[in-house]
Amino acid sequence: TALHFASSKGYLRIVKMLIKHNADPNATNDKGNAPLHIAINNNYFSIVDLLKRYGADVTRRNAYCESA
């Protein structure tokens, strides 16, 4: 999704805009990764904080049973 892409590139302002326009912070990609997984793996902690504030599930596991 656009939110996954923005989270993978560290585009904080775009992530914020997408969430404010109802992008789902818990949507998963084909590997079961949510934007939170991607932001954490790329060390974008400001995006991690933003996603958590908007309801990202910190207990969600991906297809490899990895949690964020």
PDB file of N, CA and C in Angstrom:
ATOM      1  N   THR A   1       0.842  -1.185   0.000  1.00  0.00           N
ATOM      2  CA  THR A   1       0.000   0.000   0.000  1.00  0.00           C
ATOM      3  C   THR A   1       0.885   1.244   0.000  1.00  0.00           C
ATOM      4  N   ALA A   2       0.273   2.374  -0.210  1.00  0.00           N
ATOM      5  CA  ALA A   2       1.012   3.635  -0.149  1.00  0.00           C
ATOM      6  C   ALA A   2       1.601   3.844   1.246  1.00  0.00           C
ATOM      7  N   LEU A   3       0.885   3.396   2.261  1.00  0.00           N
ATOM      8  CA  LEU A   3       1.382   3.537   3.628  1.00  0.00           C
ATOM      9  C   LEU A   3       2.617   2.666   3.851  1.00  0.00           C
ATOM     10  N   HIS A   4       2.633   1.471   3.291  1.00  0.00           N
ATOM     11  CA  HIS A   4       3.820   0.615   3.375  1.00  0.00           C
ATOM     12  C   HIS A   4       5.011   1.296   2.700  1.00  0.00           C
ATOM     13  N   PHE A   5       4.782   1.842   1.509  1.00  0.00           N
ATOM     14  CA  PHE A   5       5.860   2.494   0.768  1.00  0.00           C
ATOM     15  C   PHE A   5       6.409   3.687   1.538  1.00  0.00           C
ATOM     16  N   ALA A   6       5.527   4.553   2.009  1.00  0.00           N
ATOM     17  CA  ALA A   6       5.966   5.736   2.751  1.00  0.00           C
ATOM     18  C   ALA A   6       6.706   5.338   4.026  1.00  0.00           C
ATOM     19  N   SER A   7       6.249   4.274   4.684  1.00  0.00           N
ATOM     20  CA  SER A   7       6.912   3.788   5.896  1.00  0.00           C
ATOM     21  C   SER A   7       8.288   3.220   5.583  1.00  0.00           C
ATOM     22  N   SER A   8       8.445   2.635   4.414  1.00  0.00           N
ATOM     23  CA  SER A   8       9.733   2.037   4.036  1.00  0.00           C
ATOM     24  C   SER A   8      10.762   3.088   3.634  1.00  0.00           C
ATOM     25  N   LYS A   9      10.304   4.267   3.252  1.00  0.00           N
ATOM     26  CA  LYS A   9      11.207   5.329   2.803  1.00  0.00           C
ATOM     27  C   LYS A   9      11.439   6.407   3.857  1.00  0.00           C
ATOM     28  N   GLY A  10      10.726   6.313   4.970  1.00  0.00           N
ATOM     29  CA  GLY A  10      10.892   7.303   6.028  1.00  0.00           C
ATOM     30  C   GLY A  10      10.167   8.608   5.778  1.00  0.00           C
ATOM     31  N   TYR A  11       9.121   8.570   4.982  1.00  0.00           N
ATOM     32  CA  TYR A  11       8.367   9.773   4.624  1.00  0.00           C
ATOM     33  C   TYR A  11       7.317  10.078   5.694  1.00  0.00           C
ATOM     34  N   LEU A  12       7.767  10.647   6.788  1.00  0.00           N
ATOM     35  CA  LEU A  12       6.903  10.897   7.945  1.00  0.00           C
ATOM     36  C   LEU A  12       5.680  11.739   7.585  1.00  0.00           C
ATOM     37  N   ARG A  13       5.875  12.821   6.862  1.00  0.00           N
ATOM     38  CA  ARG A  13       4.742  13.697   6.519  1.00  0.00           C
ATOM     39  C   ARG A  13       3.714  12.967   5.662  1.00  0.00           C
ATOM     40  N   ILE A  14       4.173  12.117   4.765  1.00  0.00           N
ATOM     41  CA  ILE A  14       3.240  11.373   3.913  1.00  0.00           C
ATOM     42  C   ILE A  14       2.515  10.314   4.731  1.00  0.00           C
ATOM     43  N   VAL A  15       3.224   9.632   5.627  1.00  0.00           N
ATOM     44  CA  VAL A  15       2.577   8.655   6.507  1.00  0.00           C
ATOM     45  C   VAL A  15       1.473   9.341   7.303  1.00  0.00           C
ATOM     46  N   LYS A  16       1.780  10.501   7.859  1.00  0.00           N
ATOM     47  CA  LYS A  16       0.792  11.240   8.650  1.00  0.00           C
ATOM     48  C   LYS A  16      -0.417  11.617   7.801  1.00  0.00           C
ATOM     49  N   MET A  17      -0.181  12.099   6.594  1.00  0.00           N
ATOM     50  CA  MET A  17      -1.272  12.488   5.705  1.00  0.00           C
ATOM     51  C   MET A  17      -2.130  11.276   5.332  1.00  0.00           C
ATOM     52  N   LEU A  18      -1.497  10.158   5.028  1.00  0.00           N
ATOM     53  CA  LEU A  18      -2.244   8.955   4.658  1.00  0.00           C
ATOM     54  C   LEU A  18      -3.118   8.471   5.812  1.00  0.00           C
ATOM     55  N   ILE A  19      -2.557   8.470   7.009  1.00  0.00           N
ATOM     56  CA  ILE A  19      -3.328   8.028   8.177  1.00  0.00           C
ATOM     57  C   ILE A  19      -4.499   8.975   8.436  1.00  0.00           C
ATOM     58  N   LYS A  20      -4.263  10.262   8.296  1.00  0.00           N
ATOM     59  CA  LYS A  20      -5.354  11.226   8.507  1.00  0.00           C
ATOM     60  C   LYS A  20      -6.444  11.092   7.453  1.00  0.00           C
ATOM     61  N   HIS A  21      -6.119  10.464   6.329  1.00  0.00           N
ATOM     62  CA  HIS A  21      -7.108  10.197   5.279  1.00  0.00           C
ATOM     63  C   HIS A  21      -7.538   8.728   5.300  1.00  0.00           C
ATOM     64  N   ASN A  22      -7.484   8.135   6.492  1.00  0.00           N
ATOM     65  CA  ASN A  22      -8.036   6.808   6.779  1.00  0.00           C
ATOM     66  C   ASN A  22      -7.267   5.625   6.216  1.00  0.00           C
ATOM     67  N   ALA A  23      -5.969   5.768   5.963  1.00  0.00           N
ATOM     68  CA  ALA A  23      -5.168   4.594   5.615  1.00  0.00           C
ATOM     69  C   ALA A  23      -5.114   3.692   6.847  1.00  0.00           C
ATOM     70  N   ASP A  24      -5.194   2.406   6.636  1.00  0.00           N
ATOM     71  CA  ASP A  24      -5.223   1.436   7.729  1.00  0.00           C
ATOM     72  C   ASP A  24      -3.804   1.145   8.216  1.00  0.00           C
ATOM     73  N   PRO A  25      -3.452   1.533   9.454  1.00  0.00           N
ATOM     74  CA  PRO A  25      -2.101   1.277   9.950  1.00  0.00           C
ATOM     75  C   PRO A  25      -1.824  -0.197  10.212  1.00  0.00           C
ATOM     76  N   ASN A  26      -2.855  -1.034  10.134  1.00  0.00           N
ATOM     77  CA  ASN A  26      -2.688  -2.468  10.359  1.00  0.00           C
ATOM     78  C   ASN A  26      -2.824  -3.298   9.088  1.00  0.00           C
ATOM     79  N   ALA A  27      -2.888  -2.644   7.936  1.00  0.00           N
ATOM     80  CA  ALA A  27      -2.949  -3.382   6.668  1.00  0.00           C
ATOM     81  C   ALA A  27      -1.653  -4.172   6.503  1.00  0.00           C
ATOM     82  N   THR A  28      -1.750  -5.350   5.907  1.00  0.00           N
ATOM     83  CA  THR A  28      -0.559  -6.173   5.709  1.00  0.00           C
ATOM     84  C   THR A  28      -0.270  -6.366   4.227  1.00  0.00           C
ATOM     85  N   ASN A  29       1.005  -6.585   3.936  1.00  0.00           N
ATOM     86  CA  ASN A  29       1.398  -6.870   2.562  1.00  0.00           C
ATOM     87  C   ASN A  29       1.434  -8.385   2.341  1.00  0.00           C
ATOM     88  N   ASP A  30       1.981  -8.821   1.221  1.00  0.00           N
ATOM     89  CA  ASP A  30       1.984 -10.247   0.886  1.00  0.00           C
ATOM     90  C   ASP A  30       2.824 -11.093   1.838  1.00  0.00           C
ATOM     91  N   LYS A  31       3.693 -10.480   2.620  1.00  0.00           N
ATOM     92  CA  LYS A  31       4.502 -11.201   3.607  1.00  0.00           C
ATOM     93  C   LYS A  31       3.942 -11.053   5.014  1.00  0.00           C
ATOM     94  N   GLY A  32       2.788 -10.429   5.104  1.00  0.00           N
ATOM     95  CA  GLY A  32       2.145 -10.243   6.396  1.00  0.00           C
ATOM     96  C   GLY A  32       2.684  -9.070   7.193  1.00  0.00           C
ATOM     97  N   ASN A  33       3.530  -8.266   6.573  1.00  0.00           N
ATOM     98  CA  ASN A  33       4.097  -7.118   7.274  1.00  0.00           C
ATOM     99  C   ASN A  33       3.148  -5.931   7.243  1.00  0.00           C
ATOM    100  N   ALA A  34       2.978  -5.337   8.404  1.00  0.00           N
ATOM    101  CA  ALA A  34       2.237  -4.086   8.519  1.00  0.00           C
ATOM    102  C   ALA A  34       3.245  -2.938   8.372  1.00  0.00           C
ATOM    103  N   PRO A  35       2.780  -1.731   8.138  1.00  0.00           N
ATOM    104  CA  PRO A  35       3.705  -0.596   8.065  1.00  0.00           C
ATOM    105  C   PRO A  35       4.609  -0.486   9.297  1.00  0.00           C
ATOM    106  N   LEU A  36       4.102  -0.892  10.456  1.00  0.00           N
ATOM    107  CA  LEU A  36       4.908  -0.856  11.676  1.00  0.00           C
ATOM    108  C   LEU A  36       6.138  -1.749  11.554  1.00  0.00           C
ATOM    109  N   HIS A  37       5.979  -2.968  11.026  1.00  0.00           N
ATOM    110  CA  HIS A  37       7.121  -3.864  10.820  1.00  0.00           C
ATOM    111  C   HIS A  37       8.172  -3.186   9.944  1.00  0.00           C
ATOM    112  N   ILE A  38       7.706  -2.582   8.875  1.00  0.00           N
ATOM    113  CA  ILE A  38       8.609  -1.975   7.896  1.00  0.00           C
ATOM    114  C   ILE A  38       9.347  -0.785   8.504  1.00  0.00           C
ATOM    115  N   ALA A  39       8.635   0.058   9.222  1.00  0.00           N
ATOM    116  CA  ALA A  39       9.265   1.223   9.848  1.00  0.00           C
ATOM    117  C   ALA A  39      10.310   0.793  10.877  1.00  0.00           C
ATOM    118  N   ILE A  40       9.995  -0.217  11.666  1.00  0.00           N
ATOM    119  CA  ILE A  40      10.953  -0.705  12.668  1.00  0.00           C
ATOM    120  C   ILE A  40      12.185  -1.283  11.994  1.00  0.00           C
ATOM    121  N   ASN A  41      11.986  -2.101  10.964  1.00  0.00           N
ATOM    122  CA  ASN A  41      13.123  -2.720  10.274  1.00  0.00           C
ATOM    123  C   ASN A  41      14.038  -1.692   9.619  1.00  0.00           C
ATOM    124  N   ASN A  42      13.510  -0.510   9.328  1.00  0.00           N
ATOM    125  CA  ASN A  42      14.304   0.549   8.704  1.00  0.00           C
ATOM    126  C   ASN A  42      14.724   1.642   9.690  1.00  0.00           C
ATOM    127  N   ASN A  43      14.481   1.402  10.977  1.00  0.00           N
ATOM    128  CA  ASN A  43      14.867   2.337  12.039  1.00  0.00           C
ATOM    129  C   ASN A  43      14.234   3.723  11.904  1.00  0.00           C
ATOM    130  N   TYR A  44      13.003   3.769  11.423  1.00  0.00           N
ATOM    131  CA  TYR A  44      12.267   5.032  11.320  1.00  0.00           C
ATOM    132  C   TYR A  44      11.358   5.165  12.549  1.00  0.00           C
ATOM    133  N   PHE A  45      11.982   5.485  13.669  1.00  0.00           N
ATOM    134  CA  PHE A  45      11.266   5.444  14.937  1.00  0.00           C
ATOM    135  C   PHE A  45      10.227   6.549  15.085  1.00  0.00           C
ATOM    136  N   SER A  46      10.389   7.658  14.383  1.00  0.00           N
ATOM    137  CA  SER A  46       9.339   8.683  14.429  1.00  0.00           C
ATOM    138  C   SER A  46       8.078   8.165  13.736  1.00  0.00           C
ATOM    139  N   ILE A  47       8.245   7.366  12.694  1.00  0.00           N
ATOM    140  CA  ILE A  47       7.094   6.752  12.024  1.00  0.00           C
ATOM    141  C   ILE A  47       6.494   5.675  12.915  1.00  0.00           C
ATOM    142  N   VAL A  48       7.337   4.917  13.599  1.00  0.00           N
ATOM    143  CA  VAL A  48       6.849   3.908  14.545  1.00  0.00           C
ATOM    144  C   VAL A  48       5.959   4.571  15.589  1.00  0.00           C
ATOM    145  N   ASP A  49       6.430   5.657  16.175  1.00  0.00           N
ATOM    146  CA  ASP A  49       5.644   6.368  17.193  1.00  0.00           C
ATOM    147  C   ASP A  49       4.316   6.859  16.628  1.00  0.00           C
ATOM    148  N   LEU A  50       4.352   7.410  15.428  1.00  0.00           N
ATOM    149  CA  LEU A  50       3.131   7.907  14.793  1.00  0.00           C
ATOM    150  C   LEU A  50       2.145   6.769  14.541  1.00  0.00           C
ATOM    151  N   LEU A  51       2.621   5.665  13.992  1.00  0.00           N
ATOM    152  CA  LEU A  51       1.746   4.521  13.716  1.00  0.00           C
ATOM    153  C   LEU A  51       1.119   3.990  15.004  1.00  0.00           C
ATOM    154  N   LYS A  52       1.911   3.927  16.068  1.00  0.00           N
ATOM    155  CA  LYS A  52       1.377   3.461  17.351  1.00  0.00           C
ATOM    156  C   LYS A  52       0.299   4.404  17.873  1.00  0.00           C
ATOM    157  N   ARG A  53       0.511   5.709  17.725  1.00  0.00           N
ATOM    158  CA  ARG A  53      -0.497   6.685  18.175  1.00  0.00           C
ATOM    159  C   ARG A  53      -1.811   6.532  17.430  1.00  0.00           C
ATOM    160  N   TYR A  54      -1.740   6.056  16.196  1.00  0.00           N
ATOM    161  CA  TYR A  54      -2.942   5.900  15.378  1.00  0.00           C
ATOM    162  C   TYR A  54      -3.433   4.456  15.333  1.00  0.00           C
ATOM    163  N   GLY A  55      -3.040   3.658  16.305  1.00  0.00           N
ATOM    164  CA  GLY A  55      -3.650   2.354  16.475  1.00  0.00           C
ATOM    165  C   GLY A  55      -2.949   1.164  15.862  1.00  0.00           C
ATOM    166  N   ALA A  56      -1.694   1.311  15.462  1.00  0.00           N
ATOM    167  CA  ALA A  56      -0.973   0.153  14.927  1.00  0.00           C
ATOM    168  C   ALA A  56      -0.869  -0.918  16.012  1.00  0.00           C
ATOM    169  N   ASP A  57      -1.129  -2.139  15.631  1.00  0.00           N
ATOM    170  CA  ASP A  57      -1.111  -3.273  16.555  1.00  0.00           C
ATOM    171  C   ASP A  57       0.325  -3.742  16.754  1.00  0.00           C
ATOM    172  N   VAL A  58       0.875  -3.480  17.930  1.00  0.00           N
ATOM    173  CA  VAL A  58       2.266  -3.845  18.208  1.00  0.00           C
ATOM    174  C   VAL A  58       2.446  -5.339  18.448  1.00  0.00           C
ATOM    175  N   THR A  59       1.353  -6.082  18.576  1.00  0.00           N
ATOM    176  CA  THR A  59       1.450  -7.529  18.800  1.00  0.00           C
ATOM    177  C   THR A  59       1.273  -8.334  17.519  1.00  0.00           C
ATOM    178  N   ARG A  60       0.963  -7.673  16.421  1.00  0.00           N
ATOM    179  CA  ARG A  60       0.727  -8.368  15.140  1.00  0.00           C
ATOM    180  C   ARG A  60       2.000  -9.064  14.671  1.00  0.00           C
ATOM    181  N   ARG A  61       1.838 -10.294  14.198  1.00  0.00           N
ATOM    182  CA  ARG A  61       2.965 -11.062  13.655  1.00  0.00           C
ATOM    183  C   ARG A  61       2.818 -11.177  12.149  1.00  0.00           C
ATOM    184  N   ASN A  62       3.960 -11.242  11.468  1.00  0.00           N
ATOM    185  CA  ASN A  62       3.921 -11.385  10.017  1.00  0.00           C
ATOM    186  C   ASN A  62       3.891 -12.864   9.627  1.00  0.00           C
ATOM    187  N   ALA A  63       4.053 -13.162   8.353  1.00  0.00           N
ATOM    188  CA  ALA A  63       3.978 -14.538   7.860  1.00  0.00           C
ATOM    189  C   ALA A  63       5.100 -15.416   8.411  1.00  0.00           C
ATOM    190  N   TYR A  64       6.161 -14.801   8.922  1.00  0.00           N
ATOM    191  CA  TYR A  64       7.292 -15.540   9.488  1.00  0.00           C
ATOM    192  C   TYR A  64       7.222 -15.576  11.013  1.00  0.00           C
ATOM    193  N   CYS A  65       6.061 -15.226  11.555  1.00  0.00           N
ATOM    194  CA  CYS A  65       5.800 -15.190  13.006  1.00  0.00           C
ATOM    195  C   CYS A  65       6.680 -14.185  13.735  1.00  0.00           C
ATOM    196  N   GLU A  66       7.128 -13.157  13.027  1.00  0.00           N
ATOM    197  CA  GLU A  66       7.915 -12.100  13.646  1.00  0.00           C
ATOM    198  C   GLU A  66       6.977 -10.980  14.071  1.00  0.00           C
ATOM    199  N   SER A  67       7.165 -10.512  15.289  1.00  0.00           N
ATOM    200  CA  SER A  67       6.370  -9.372  15.741  1.00  0.00           C
ATOM    201  C   SER A  67       7.147  -8.094  15.476  1.00  0.00           C
ATOM    202  N   ALA A  68       6.439  -6.999  15.512  1.00  0.00           N
ATOM    203  CA  ALA A  68       7.098  -5.712  15.284  1.00  0.00           C
ATOM    204  C   ALA A  68       7.978  -5.392  16.472  1.00  0.00           C
TER     205      ALA A  68
END
